[in-house]
């Protein structure tokens, strides 16, 4: 190895008279094979992780859709029940009796329950 101008180390190719021994060749082959297997394992693990995240994403999207539908249904039910209550209040004998009448301001039930 020879130090390069920038301070890094540059590897020289072996001179023709410095042939690598069969043991060195075997070691390189084993190291490359081991590295190839490790790279395959790493890619497989990464793919499995991505697949799992995608499945989780799909499940959360479905759950979100179901919950949004439920919010819509409950909002409609709240509107319907609020309208029914207003109609009932117009003719309720308990509310019409002057003895029972105490004006109490009530907040709008729909506005206070809707998501912001």
C-alpha atoms as a PDB file:
ATOM      1  CA  UNK A   1       0.000   0.000   0.000  1.00  0.00           C
ATOM      2  CA  UNK A   2       1.180   3.472  -0.845  1.00  0.00           C
ATOM      3  CA  UNK A   3      -0.047   6.694   0.764  1.00  0.00           C
ATOM      4  CA  UNK A   4      -1.763   8.900  -1.819  1.00  0.00           C
ATOM      5  CA  UNK A   5      -1.293  12.669  -2.068  1.00  0.00           C
ATOM      6  CA  UNK A   6      -4.534  13.342  -0.165  1.00  0.00           C
ATOM      7  CA  UNK A   7      -3.502  11.238   2.785  1.00  0.00           C
ATOM      8  CA  UNK A   8      -5.614   8.199   1.881  1.00  0.00           C
ATOM      9  CA  UNK A   9      -4.109   4.803   1.188  1.00  0.00           C
ATOM     10  CA  UNK A  10      -4.105   3.471  -2.362  1.00  0.00           C
ATOM     11  CA  UNK A  11      -3.895  -0.255  -2.963  1.00  0.00           C
ATOM     12  CA  UNK A  12      -1.462  -1.478  -5.581  1.00  0.00           C
ATOM     13  CA  UNK A  13      -2.169  -4.487  -7.743  1.00  0.00           C
ATOM     14  CA  UNK A  14       0.183  -7.356  -7.051  1.00  0.00           C
ATOM     15  CA  UNK A  15       3.140  -7.510  -9.382  1.00  0.00           C
ATOM     16  CA  UNK A  16       3.051 -10.427 -11.846  1.00  0.00           C
ATOM     17  CA  UNK A  17       5.803 -12.198  -9.938  1.00  0.00           C
ATOM     18  CA  UNK A  18       3.725 -11.880  -6.711  1.00  0.00           C
ATOM     19  CA  UNK A  19       0.948 -14.321  -7.663  1.00  0.00           C
ATOM     20  CA  UNK A  20      -1.710 -14.930  -5.025  1.00  0.00           C
ATOM     21  CA  UNK A  21      -1.629 -18.294  -3.389  1.00  0.00           C
ATOM     22  CA  UNK A  22      -4.533 -20.733  -3.748  1.00  0.00           C
ATOM     23  CA  UNK A  23      -5.321 -20.139  -0.075  1.00  0.00           C
ATOM     24  CA  UNK A  24      -5.747 -16.415  -0.762  1.00  0.00           C
ATOM     25  CA  UNK A  25      -8.028 -17.210  -3.696  1.00  0.00           C
ATOM     26  CA  UNK A  26     -10.098 -19.571  -1.557  1.00  0.00           C
ATOM     27  CA  UNK A  27     -10.330 -16.949   1.177  1.00  0.00           C
ATOM     28  CA  UNK A  28     -11.561 -14.344  -1.346  1.00  0.00           C
ATOM     29  CA  UNK A  29     -14.129 -16.728  -2.767  1.00  0.00           C
ATOM     30  CA  UNK A  30     -15.418 -17.622   0.706  1.00  0.00           C
ATOM     31  CA  UNK A  31     -15.533 -13.933   1.722  1.00  0.00           C
ATOM     32  CA  UNK A  32     -17.414 -12.974  -1.464  1.00  0.00           C
ATOM     33  CA  UNK A  33     -19.889 -15.817  -1.001  1.00  0.00           C
ATOM     34  CA  UNK A  34     -20.423 -14.890   2.638  1.00  0.00           C
ATOM     35  CA  UNK A  35     -20.935 -11.243   1.630  1.00  0.00           C
ATOM     36  CA  UNK A  36     -23.358 -12.251  -1.146  1.00  0.00           C
ATOM     37  CA  UNK A  37     -25.449 -14.314   1.287  1.00  0.00           C
ATOM     38  CA  UNK A  38     -25.433 -11.500   3.862  1.00  0.00           C
ATOM     39  CA  UNK A  39     -26.536  -8.988   1.190  1.00  0.00           C
ATOM     40  CA  UNK A  40     -29.377 -11.294   0.105  1.00  0.00           C
ATOM     41  CA  UNK A  41     -30.469 -11.703   3.699  1.00  0.00           C
ATOM     42  CA  UNK A  42     -30.372  -7.933   4.225  1.00  0.00           C
ATOM     43  CA  UNK A  43     -32.415  -7.245   1.068  1.00  0.00           C
ATOM     44  CA  UNK A  44     -34.968  -9.887   2.048  1.00  0.00           C
ATOM     45  CA  UNK A  45     -35.307  -8.411   5.539  1.00  0.00           C
ATOM     46  CA  UNK A  46     -35.731  -4.910   4.079  1.00  0.00           C
ATOM     47  CA  UNK A  47     -38.402  -6.154   1.661  1.00  0.00           C
ATOM     48  CA  UNK A  48     -40.266  -7.921   4.467  1.00  0.00           C
ATOM     49  CA  UNK A  49     -40.189  -4.761   6.569  1.00  0.00           C
ATOM     50  CA  UNK A  50     -41.545  -2.699   3.657  1.00  0.00           C
ATOM     51  CA  UNK A  51     -44.294  -5.280   3.037  1.00  0.00           C
ATOM     52  CA  UNK A  52     -45.291  -5.226   6.706  1.00  0.00           C
ATOM     53  CA  UNK A  53     -45.441  -1.418   6.716  1.00  0.00           C
ATOM     54  CA  UNK A  54     -47.582  -1.458   3.574  1.00  0.00           C
ATOM     55  CA  UNK A  55     -50.015  -3.952   5.129  1.00  0.00           C
ATOM     56  CA  UNK A  56     -50.226  -1.811   8.264  1.00  0.00           C
ATOM     57  CA  UNK A  57     -50.881   1.251   6.100  1.00  0.00           C
ATOM     58  CA  UNK A  58     -53.705  -0.545   4.255  1.00  0.00           C
ATOM     59  CA  UNK A  59     -55.316  -1.628   7.543  1.00  0.00           C
ATOM     60  CA  UNK A  60     -55.135   1.894   8.956  1.00  0.00           C
ATOM     61  CA  UNK A  61     -56.656   3.331   5.762  1.00  0.00           C
ATOM     62  CA  UNK A  62     -59.572   0.876   6.006  1.00  0.00           C
ATOM     63  CA  UNK A  63     -60.087   1.660   9.683  1.00  0.00           C
ATOM     64  CA  UNK A  64     -59.977   5.384   8.910  1.00  0.00           C
ATOM     65  CA  UNK A  65     -62.645   4.966   6.215  1.00  0.00           C
ATOM     66  CA  UNK A  66     -64.899   3.041   8.613  1.00  0.00           C
ATOM     67  CA  UNK A  67     -64.470   5.675  11.326  1.00  0.00           C
ATOM     68  CA  UNK A  68     -65.228   8.531   8.904  1.00  0.00           C
ATOM     69  CA  UNK A  69     -68.447   6.772   7.847  1.00  0.00           C
ATOM     70  CA  UNK A  70     -69.396   6.319  11.491  1.00  0.00           C
ATOM     71  CA  UNK A  71     -68.760  10.034  12.165  1.00  0.00           C
ATOM     72  CA  UNK A  72     -71.053  10.885   9.235  1.00  0.00           C
ATOM     73  CA  UNK A  73     -73.825   8.603  10.507  1.00  0.00           C
ATOM     74  CA  UNK A  74     -73.552   9.914  14.063  1.00  0.00           C
ATOM     75  CA  UNK A  75     -73.583  13.513  12.833  1.00  0.00           C
ATOM     76  CA  UNK A  76     -76.776  12.852  10.886  1.00  0.00           C
ATOM     77  CA  UNK A  77     -78.347  11.128  13.904  1.00  0.00           C
ATOM     78  CA  UNK A  78     -77.413  14.093  16.097  1.00  0.00           C
ATOM     79  CA  UNK A  79     -79.012  16.530  13.633  1.00  0.00           C
ATOM     80  CA  UNK A  80     -82.162  14.400  13.474  1.00  0.00           C
ATOM     81  CA  UNK A  81     -82.426  14.089  17.252  1.00  0.00           C
ATOM     82  CA  UNK A  82     -81.775  17.812  17.749  1.00  0.00           C
ATOM     83  CA  UNK A  83     -84.564  18.653  15.312  1.00  0.00           C
ATOM     84  CA  UNK A  84     -86.886  16.194  17.065  1.00  0.00           C
ATOM     85  CA  UNK A  85     -86.051  17.791  20.413  1.00  0.00           C
ATOM     86  CA  UNK A  86     -86.777  21.287  19.070  1.00  0.00           C
ATOM     87  CA  UNK A  87     -90.151  20.104  17.756  1.00  0.00           C
ATOM     88  CA  UNK A  88     -90.930  18.401  21.048  1.00  0.00           C
ATOM     89  CA  UNK A  89     -90.008  21.502  23.051  1.00  0.00           C
ATOM     90  CA  UNK A  90     -92.632  23.502  21.112  1.00  0.00           C
ATOM     91  CA  UNK A  91     -95.446  21.344  22.482  1.00  0.00           C
ATOM     92  CA  UNK A  92     -94.041  19.821  25.676  1.00  0.00           C
ATOM     93  CA  UNK A  93     -96.549  20.442  28.505  1.00  0.00           C
ATOM     94  CA  UNK A  94     -93.748  20.612  31.061  1.00  0.00           C
ATOM     95  CA  UNK A  95     -91.985  23.358  29.151  1.00  0.00           C
ATOM     96  CA  UNK A  96     -95.221  25.223  28.354  1.00  0.00           C
ATOM     97  CA  UNK A  97     -96.289  25.486  32.003  1.00  0.00           C
ATOM     98  CA  UNK A  98     -95.321  28.967  33.318  1.00  0.00           C
ATOM     99  CA  UNK A  99     -94.397  27.499  36.697  1.00  0.00           C
ATOM    100  CA  UNK A 100     -91.752  25.275  35.110  1.00  0.00           C
ATOM    101  CA  UNK A 101     -90.395  27.879  32.743  1.00  0.00           C
ATOM    102  CA  UNK A 102     -86.941  29.050  33.656  1.00  0.00           C
ATOM    103  CA  UNK A 103     -85.036  30.341  30.631  1.00  0.00           C
ATOM    104  CA  UNK A 104     -81.709  28.585  30.475  1.00  0.00           C
ATOM    105  CA  UNK A 105     -79.545  29.259  27.448  1.00  0.00           C
ATOM    106  CA  UNK A 106     -78.250  26.054  25.916  1.00  0.00           C
ATOM    107  CA  UNK A 107     -75.353  25.716  23.528  1.00  0.00           C
ATOM    108  CA  UNK A 108     -75.978  24.361  20.042  1.00  0.00           C
ATOM    109  CA  UNK A 109     -75.586  20.556  20.508  1.00  0.00           C
ATOM    110  CA  UNK A 110     -74.501  19.963  16.940  1.00  0.00           C
ATOM    111  CA  UNK A 111     -71.786  22.597  16.852  1.00  0.00           C
ATOM    112  CA  UNK A 112     -70.281  21.442  20.145  1.00  0.00           C
ATOM    113  CA  UNK A 113     -70.045  17.775  19.037  1.00  0.00           C
ATOM    114  CA  UNK A 114     -68.731  18.088  15.509  1.00  0.00           C
ATOM    115  CA  UNK A 115     -65.026  17.469  14.903  1.00  0.00           C
ATOM    116  CA  UNK A 116     -62.979  20.593  14.391  1.00  0.00           C
END
